[in-house]
N, C-alpha and C. Protein backbone atom coordinates (compact mmCIF):
# COMPACT_ATOMS: atom_id res chain seq x y z
N MET A 1 18.45 24.69 -38.32
CA MET A 1 17.67 23.53 -38.07
C MET A 1 18.54 22.44 -37.44
N ALA A 2 19.76 22.33 -37.85
CA ALA A 2 20.67 21.34 -37.28
C ALA A 2 20.94 21.64 -35.82
N THR A 3 20.93 22.92 -35.46
CA THR A 3 21.22 23.27 -34.07
C THR A 3 20.10 22.80 -33.15
N SER A 4 18.85 22.87 -33.60
CA SER A 4 17.76 22.44 -32.73
C SER A 4 17.81 20.92 -32.52
N LYS A 5 18.19 20.17 -33.57
CA LYS A 5 18.30 18.72 -33.42
C LYS A 5 19.45 18.38 -32.47
N GLU A 6 20.56 19.09 -32.64
CA GLU A 6 21.69 18.80 -31.77
C GLU A 6 21.36 19.12 -30.32
N SER A 7 20.68 20.23 -30.09
CA SER A 7 20.36 20.58 -28.71
C SER A 7 19.35 19.57 -28.15
N GLY A 8 18.46 19.08 -29.01
CA GLY A 8 17.51 18.06 -28.57
C GLY A 8 18.20 16.77 -28.19
N LYS A 9 19.21 16.41 -28.97
CA LYS A 9 19.96 15.19 -28.67
C LYS A 9 20.70 15.32 -27.36
N SER A 10 21.32 16.44 -27.14
CA SER A 10 22.10 16.58 -25.91
C SER A 10 21.17 16.60 -24.70
N ALA A 11 20.02 17.23 -24.84
CA ALA A 11 19.07 17.25 -23.72
C ALA A 11 18.54 15.84 -23.47
N GLY A 12 18.27 15.10 -24.55
CA GLY A 12 17.77 13.74 -24.42
C GLY A 12 18.80 12.82 -23.80
N SER A 13 20.06 13.00 -24.18
CA SER A 13 21.09 12.11 -23.65
C SER A 13 21.33 12.37 -22.18
N SER A 14 21.23 13.63 -21.75
CA SER A 14 21.43 13.88 -20.33
C SER A 14 20.25 13.36 -19.54
N GLY A 15 19.04 13.42 -20.13
CA GLY A 15 17.87 12.87 -19.46
C GLY A 15 17.98 11.36 -19.33
N GLY A 16 18.54 10.72 -20.36
CA GLY A 16 18.72 9.28 -20.32
C GLY A 16 19.70 8.87 -19.22
N ASN A 17 20.75 9.64 -19.04
CA ASN A 17 21.72 9.35 -18.00
C ASN A 17 21.11 9.52 -16.63
N ALA A 18 20.24 10.51 -16.49
CA ALA A 18 19.60 10.74 -15.19
C ALA A 18 18.72 9.56 -14.83
N GLN A 19 18.06 8.97 -15.84
CA GLN A 19 17.21 7.82 -15.56
C GLN A 19 18.04 6.61 -15.16
N LYS A 20 19.17 6.41 -15.80
CA LYS A 20 20.01 5.27 -15.47
C LYS A 20 20.55 5.36 -14.05
N SER A 21 20.79 6.57 -13.58
CA SER A 21 21.34 6.71 -12.24
C SER A 21 20.26 6.62 -11.18
N GLY A 22 19.01 6.43 -11.59
CA GLY A 22 17.98 6.20 -10.60
C GLY A 22 16.97 7.30 -10.48
N GLY A 23 17.07 8.34 -11.26
CA GLY A 23 16.12 9.42 -11.12
C GLY A 23 15.08 9.40 -12.20
N GLY A 24 13.85 9.73 -11.88
CA GLY A 24 12.83 10.01 -12.86
C GLY A 24 12.10 8.84 -13.46
N SER A 25 12.66 7.64 -13.51
CA SER A 25 11.99 6.55 -14.20
C SER A 25 10.91 5.90 -13.35
N GLY A 26 10.97 6.03 -12.05
CA GLY A 26 9.98 5.44 -11.18
C GLY A 26 10.29 3.99 -10.84
N ASN A 27 11.30 3.41 -11.44
CA ASN A 27 11.66 2.02 -11.17
C ASN A 27 12.72 1.90 -10.08
N GLY A 28 13.14 2.99 -9.53
CA GLY A 28 14.18 2.97 -8.51
C GLY A 28 15.55 2.99 -9.15
N PRO A 29 16.58 2.81 -8.35
CA PRO A 29 17.94 2.86 -8.89
C PRO A 29 18.23 1.66 -9.80
N ALA A 30 19.16 1.86 -10.70
CA ALA A 30 19.54 0.79 -11.62
C ALA A 30 20.18 -0.34 -10.83
N LYS A 31 19.94 -1.58 -11.24
CA LYS A 31 20.52 -2.73 -10.55
C LYS A 31 22.00 -2.81 -10.87
N ARG A 32 22.77 -3.15 -9.86
CA ARG A 32 24.21 -3.28 -10.04
C ARG A 32 24.68 -4.54 -9.34
N GLY A 33 25.82 -5.04 -9.76
CA GLY A 33 26.44 -6.17 -9.09
C GLY A 33 25.58 -7.43 -9.15
N PHE A 34 25.40 -8.06 -7.98
CA PHE A 34 24.67 -9.33 -7.88
C PHE A 34 23.24 -9.21 -8.39
N ALA A 35 22.59 -8.10 -8.08
CA ALA A 35 21.20 -7.90 -8.49
C ALA A 35 21.06 -7.77 -10.01
N ALA A 36 22.10 -7.33 -10.69
CA ALA A 36 22.04 -7.15 -12.14
C ALA A 36 22.25 -8.46 -12.89
N MET A 37 22.74 -9.48 -12.20
CA MET A 37 22.99 -10.77 -12.87
C MET A 37 21.67 -11.48 -13.15
N ASP A 38 21.70 -12.36 -14.13
CA ASP A 38 20.48 -13.13 -14.37
C ASP A 38 20.34 -14.19 -13.27
N GLN A 39 19.17 -14.76 -13.18
CA GLN A 39 18.83 -15.65 -12.06
C GLN A 39 19.72 -16.88 -12.01
N ASN A 40 20.09 -17.41 -13.15
CA ASN A 40 20.95 -18.60 -13.16
C ASN A 40 22.32 -18.31 -12.59
N GLN A 41 22.89 -17.16 -12.93
CA GLN A 41 24.19 -16.79 -12.38
C GLN A 41 24.10 -16.61 -10.87
N GLN A 42 23.03 -15.98 -10.40
CA GLN A 42 22.86 -15.78 -8.97
C GLN A 42 22.78 -17.13 -8.25
N ARG A 43 22.04 -18.06 -8.82
CA ARG A 43 21.91 -19.38 -8.19
C ARG A 43 23.23 -20.12 -8.13
N GLU A 44 24.03 -20.03 -9.20
CA GLU A 44 25.34 -20.68 -9.21
C GLU A 44 26.22 -20.15 -8.10
N ILE A 45 26.26 -18.83 -7.97
CA ILE A 45 27.10 -18.21 -6.95
C ILE A 45 26.61 -18.57 -5.55
N ALA A 46 25.31 -18.51 -5.35
CA ALA A 46 24.74 -18.83 -4.04
C ALA A 46 25.00 -20.30 -3.70
N SER A 47 24.91 -21.17 -4.68
CA SER A 47 25.17 -22.59 -4.46
C SER A 47 26.60 -22.82 -4.02
N LYS A 48 27.53 -22.12 -4.67
CA LYS A 48 28.94 -22.25 -4.28
C LYS A 48 29.16 -21.81 -2.85
N GLY A 49 28.47 -20.77 -2.44
CA GLY A 49 28.60 -20.30 -1.06
C GLY A 49 28.08 -21.33 -0.07
N GLY A 50 26.95 -21.95 -0.41
CA GLY A 50 26.40 -22.99 0.46
C GLY A 50 27.30 -24.21 0.55
N GLN A 51 27.86 -24.60 -0.59
CA GLN A 51 28.76 -25.75 -0.60
C GLN A 51 30.01 -25.47 0.23
N ALA A 52 30.52 -24.26 0.12
CA ALA A 52 31.72 -23.89 0.88
C ALA A 52 31.45 -23.93 2.38
N ALA A 53 30.28 -23.47 2.78
CA ALA A 53 29.93 -23.48 4.20
C ALA A 53 29.84 -24.91 4.72
N HIS A 54 29.29 -25.81 3.92
CA HIS A 54 29.21 -27.21 4.35
C HIS A 54 30.60 -27.83 4.44
N GLN A 55 31.47 -27.53 3.49
CA GLN A 55 32.83 -28.08 3.52
C GLN A 55 33.61 -27.55 4.71
N LYS A 56 33.36 -26.30 5.03
CA LYS A 56 34.05 -25.67 6.15
C LYS A 56 33.49 -26.16 7.49
N GLY A 57 32.25 -26.63 7.46
CA GLY A 57 31.64 -27.12 8.69
C GLY A 57 30.85 -26.07 9.45
N THR A 58 30.60 -24.93 8.83
CA THR A 58 29.88 -23.84 9.51
C THR A 58 28.43 -23.73 9.06
N ALA A 59 28.01 -24.61 8.15
CA ALA A 59 26.62 -24.56 7.67
C ALA A 59 25.69 -25.12 8.74
N HIS A 60 24.50 -24.55 8.83
CA HIS A 60 23.52 -25.02 9.81
C HIS A 60 22.54 -25.96 9.12
N GLU A 61 22.30 -27.09 9.73
CA GLU A 61 21.33 -28.04 9.20
C GLU A 61 20.27 -28.29 10.26
N PHE A 62 19.01 -28.12 9.88
CA PHE A 62 17.91 -28.39 10.79
C PHE A 62 17.73 -29.89 10.96
N ASP A 63 17.55 -30.33 12.21
CA ASP A 63 17.06 -31.69 12.39
C ASP A 63 15.54 -31.61 12.45
N SER A 64 14.86 -32.74 12.44
CA SER A 64 13.41 -32.72 12.34
C SER A 64 12.75 -32.04 13.54
N GLU A 65 13.31 -32.20 14.72
CA GLU A 65 12.74 -31.57 15.91
C GLU A 65 12.87 -30.05 15.85
N GLU A 66 14.03 -29.59 15.42
CA GLU A 66 14.25 -28.14 15.31
C GLU A 66 13.34 -27.53 14.25
N ALA A 67 13.15 -28.23 13.15
CA ALA A 67 12.26 -27.75 12.08
C ALA A 67 10.82 -27.71 12.58
N ARG A 68 10.41 -28.71 13.37
CA ARG A 68 9.06 -28.74 13.92
C ARG A 68 8.82 -27.54 14.83
N ARG A 69 9.80 -27.25 15.69
CA ARG A 69 9.66 -26.10 16.60
C ARG A 69 9.59 -24.78 15.83
N ALA A 70 10.38 -24.66 14.78
CA ALA A 70 10.37 -23.43 13.98
C ALA A 70 9.02 -23.25 13.31
N GLY A 71 8.47 -24.32 12.76
CA GLY A 71 7.16 -24.24 12.12
C GLY A 71 6.07 -23.91 13.11
N GLN A 72 6.15 -24.49 14.30
CA GLN A 72 5.15 -24.22 15.34
C GLN A 72 5.21 -22.76 15.76
N LYS A 73 6.40 -22.24 15.90
CA LYS A 73 6.59 -20.85 16.29
C LYS A 73 5.99 -19.91 15.25
N GLY A 74 6.21 -20.20 13.97
CA GLY A 74 5.65 -19.38 12.91
C GLY A 74 4.13 -19.44 12.90
N GLY A 75 3.58 -20.63 13.12
CA GLY A 75 2.14 -20.79 13.16
C GLY A 75 1.51 -20.01 14.30
N GLU A 76 2.19 -19.99 15.45
CA GLU A 76 1.68 -19.23 16.60
C GLU A 76 1.67 -17.74 16.30
N ALA A 77 2.71 -17.27 15.64
CA ALA A 77 2.79 -15.84 15.31
C ALA A 77 1.67 -15.44 14.37
N VAL A 78 1.39 -16.27 13.38
CA VAL A 78 0.34 -15.94 12.42
C VAL A 78 -1.02 -16.00 13.08
N SER A 79 -1.23 -17.00 13.93
CA SER A 79 -2.56 -17.19 14.52
C SER A 79 -2.90 -16.12 15.56
N ARG A 80 -1.93 -15.35 16.00
CA ARG A 80 -2.23 -14.25 16.92
C ARG A 80 -3.03 -13.15 16.24
N ASN A 81 -2.89 -13.03 14.94
CA ASN A 81 -3.59 -12.00 14.18
C ASN A 81 -4.97 -12.56 13.80
N ARG A 82 -5.97 -12.26 14.64
CA ARG A 82 -7.29 -12.85 14.46
C ARG A 82 -7.96 -12.40 13.16
N ALA A 83 -7.73 -11.16 12.78
CA ALA A 83 -8.34 -10.67 11.53
C ALA A 83 -7.78 -11.44 10.33
N HIS A 84 -6.47 -11.70 10.37
CA HIS A 84 -5.84 -12.45 9.29
C HIS A 84 -6.40 -13.88 9.23
N MET A 85 -6.52 -14.51 10.38
CA MET A 85 -7.05 -15.87 10.43
C MET A 85 -8.51 -15.91 9.94
N ALA A 86 -9.29 -14.88 10.30
CA ALA A 86 -10.68 -14.82 9.83
C ALA A 86 -10.73 -14.69 8.31
N ASP A 87 -9.82 -13.89 7.75
CA ASP A 87 -9.77 -13.74 6.29
C ASP A 87 -9.43 -15.07 5.62
N ILE A 88 -8.47 -15.79 6.20
CA ILE A 88 -8.08 -17.09 5.63
C ILE A 88 -9.27 -18.04 5.64
N GLY A 89 -9.96 -18.10 6.78
CA GLY A 89 -11.11 -18.99 6.89
C GLY A 89 -12.23 -18.61 5.94
N ARG A 90 -12.44 -17.31 5.79
CA ARG A 90 -13.49 -16.84 4.89
C ARG A 90 -13.18 -17.22 3.45
N LYS A 91 -11.93 -17.02 3.05
CA LYS A 91 -11.53 -17.37 1.68
C LYS A 91 -11.67 -18.87 1.44
N GLY A 92 -11.29 -19.67 2.42
CA GLY A 92 -11.43 -21.11 2.28
C GLY A 92 -12.89 -21.51 2.15
N GLY A 93 -13.74 -20.91 2.96
CA GLY A 93 -15.17 -21.21 2.89
C GLY A 93 -15.77 -20.78 1.57
N GLU A 94 -15.33 -19.63 1.09
CA GLU A 94 -15.85 -19.14 -0.19
C GLU A 94 -15.45 -20.07 -1.33
N SER A 95 -14.20 -20.51 -1.33
CA SER A 95 -13.76 -21.38 -2.42
C SER A 95 -14.47 -22.73 -2.33
N ARG A 96 -14.72 -23.20 -1.13
CA ARG A 96 -15.43 -24.47 -0.96
C ARG A 96 -16.87 -24.33 -1.42
N GLN A 97 -17.49 -23.20 -1.05
CA GLN A 97 -18.86 -22.96 -1.48
C GLN A 97 -18.97 -22.87 -2.99
N SER A 98 -18.05 -22.16 -3.60
CA SER A 98 -18.13 -21.99 -5.06
C SER A 98 -17.94 -23.33 -5.76
N ALA A 99 -17.06 -24.18 -5.23
CA ALA A 99 -16.86 -25.50 -5.84
C ALA A 99 -18.13 -26.34 -5.66
N SER A 100 -18.73 -26.24 -4.47
CA SER A 100 -19.95 -26.99 -4.21
C SER A 100 -21.10 -26.49 -5.09
N ARG A 101 -21.20 -25.19 -5.25
CA ARG A 101 -22.25 -24.62 -6.11
C ARG A 101 -22.08 -25.05 -7.56
N ALA A 102 -20.82 -25.06 -8.02
CA ALA A 102 -20.56 -25.47 -9.40
C ALA A 102 -20.94 -26.93 -9.60
N ALA A 103 -20.64 -27.77 -8.63
CA ALA A 103 -20.99 -29.19 -8.73
C ALA A 103 -22.50 -29.36 -8.72
N ASN A 104 -23.18 -28.62 -7.85
CA ASN A 104 -24.64 -28.69 -7.80
C ASN A 104 -25.27 -28.21 -9.09
N ALA A 105 -24.73 -27.15 -9.66
CA ALA A 105 -25.26 -26.62 -10.91
C ALA A 105 -25.09 -27.65 -12.04
N ALA A 106 -23.96 -28.32 -12.06
CA ALA A 106 -23.71 -29.34 -13.08
C ALA A 106 -24.67 -30.51 -12.91
N ASN A 107 -24.91 -30.90 -11.66
CA ASN A 107 -25.84 -32.01 -11.39
C ASN A 107 -27.26 -31.64 -11.77
N LYS A 108 -27.65 -30.41 -11.46
CA LYS A 108 -29.00 -29.96 -11.80
C LYS A 108 -29.19 -29.89 -13.31
N ALA A 109 -28.19 -29.40 -13.99
CA ALA A 109 -28.27 -29.30 -15.45
C ALA A 109 -28.40 -30.70 -16.06
N GLY A 110 -27.65 -31.63 -15.54
CA GLY A 110 -27.74 -33.01 -16.03
C GLY A 110 -29.07 -33.64 -15.68
N GLY A 111 -29.60 -33.34 -14.50
CA GLY A 111 -30.89 -33.87 -14.08
C GLY A 111 -32.03 -33.31 -14.90
N ASN A 112 -31.95 -32.06 -15.26
CA ASN A 112 -33.02 -31.45 -16.08
C ASN A 112 -33.05 -32.08 -17.46
N ARG A 113 -31.90 -32.38 -17.99
CA ARG A 113 -31.87 -32.99 -19.33
C ARG A 113 -32.49 -34.37 -19.28
N GLN A 114 -32.15 -35.12 -18.27
CA GLN A 114 -32.70 -36.47 -18.17
C GLN A 114 -34.21 -36.42 -17.93
N GLY A 115 -34.62 -35.47 -17.08
CA GLY A 115 -36.06 -35.33 -16.81
C GLY A 115 -36.82 -34.96 -18.05
N GLY A 116 -36.25 -34.14 -18.92
CA GLY A 116 -36.90 -33.73 -20.16
C GLY A 116 -37.06 -34.89 -21.12
N LYS A 117 -36.09 -35.80 -21.11
CA LYS A 117 -36.15 -36.95 -22.02
C LYS A 117 -37.23 -37.92 -21.59
N GLU A 118 -37.32 -38.12 -20.27
CA GLU A 118 -38.27 -39.12 -19.77
C GLU A 118 -39.71 -38.61 -19.80
N GLY A 119 -39.91 -37.36 -19.47
CA GLY A 119 -41.27 -36.87 -19.30
C GLY A 119 -41.73 -36.11 -20.44
């Protein structure tokens, strides 16, 4: 009986190692290095890199005109996709309609109560 438990343990431990190396778990390979750090550590390191670039003088800073052109360029790229723009407009219209319907329903409910009291 002890042999079956031992063989089960060894099979389980090798399966566990296979999952850690990226096989079988479905989550992809195990995170290593920078990706394995928690978010605060990543931010600290990234911040130091940005500060160093500014001190060195190699950091890029957008002026307002350059930022405006970049935003315009992005907007043009998105607006070329007519199906995407139609979806955006449809969603906006739907949310506006639902808000309007909710307001109308609330007004009607309030109006019915008042009408019931008076008449």
